[in-house]
Amino acid sequence: MNFKLLAAAAALCISPSFAILGIGFQYAPNFGTSLDKTSNEEIAGLSSGDLQLGKVEYRHGSFSGMQGFGLKLWIDILPIIDIEATYNLQWGSYSSTLTVTGLDGKAIERDIELEFDGVPFGKTTPKFVAMNGDVSITYPITSLPIIRPYIGGGLTYYLSTPVMSAKFINSYMEVLEGELKEALVSGTMSEKQAKELANKLSDKLQDDGLNTNLGGHIIVGLRAKLPIIPIAAYVNGKYYFGIDYDDEIDASSFVLEAGVGFAL
């Protein structure tokens, strides 16, 4: 009986343990990317001749590190090399506040909400959101029956939201027209108009769209799977290059991916 058990265990160990196709869900944080906070910056001075009527100021908060999740599809059917495709979504939250000081010296503060089509957060506290799609070719370093370490690289398509910055708001103020402009110039902006201005800034930022660019990555990873059981676990370290985020963002090139998947 013991001999039969040992033979069965040996057969499992020498049998192919890696599937030809797998799909997984992964935790994919980027702990190094950050945004520094800013103090109130004057966007526009409200004046009439030599008389100063008020001002518009803006500030935003900070974040350090981004949380993230993703999906991974891999194919091991090819000889020598493997192919995998990954989609990651990462985000960091920051505050965004517009302060309007009118003729009477009263300051009206209005938090700016941002909403982007295709970004799964709805209208909420501003978030810097980065998305990327990777296509990688990997080469197994060894042929161990249960553990497969690999190295490789590939192409990355980056998408990211712009940051609501003082520079952006200042450019919008220069082309502001209508009742909002009159209220600014006269120093009589109401709370309702301040809210309208914040909403228009949010709309304008969304109209400018997502930042996109093409780059690449290097990957070092490890995948583990027991024979017969259709579950695999993996961890990847990726170094990205060609990242072109908003100028306000201090981007990190390193991302960790750790996940589990269903393997056939």
Foldseek 3Di string as FASTA:
>chain_A
DVVVVVVVVVVQQPDAFAFQKWKWKKWKKFQAKKFAWDDWDWQDFADDVPRTFWTKTKIKHMWGIKTKMKMKMKGDPDPQKIKMKMKMKIKDFMWIWMWTQFNVRDIDIDTAWAAAPPDPPGTDGDMKMKMKMWIWMWGFPDPRRFKTKIKTKGKMKIKIAADPDSVLVSVVLVPDDDPLVVCRNNRNDDNVSVNVSSHVSNVVSNVVPIDIDMWMKIKIKMKGGGHPQQKIWMKMWIFTPPDDGHPSMDDHRIMIITIMIGGD
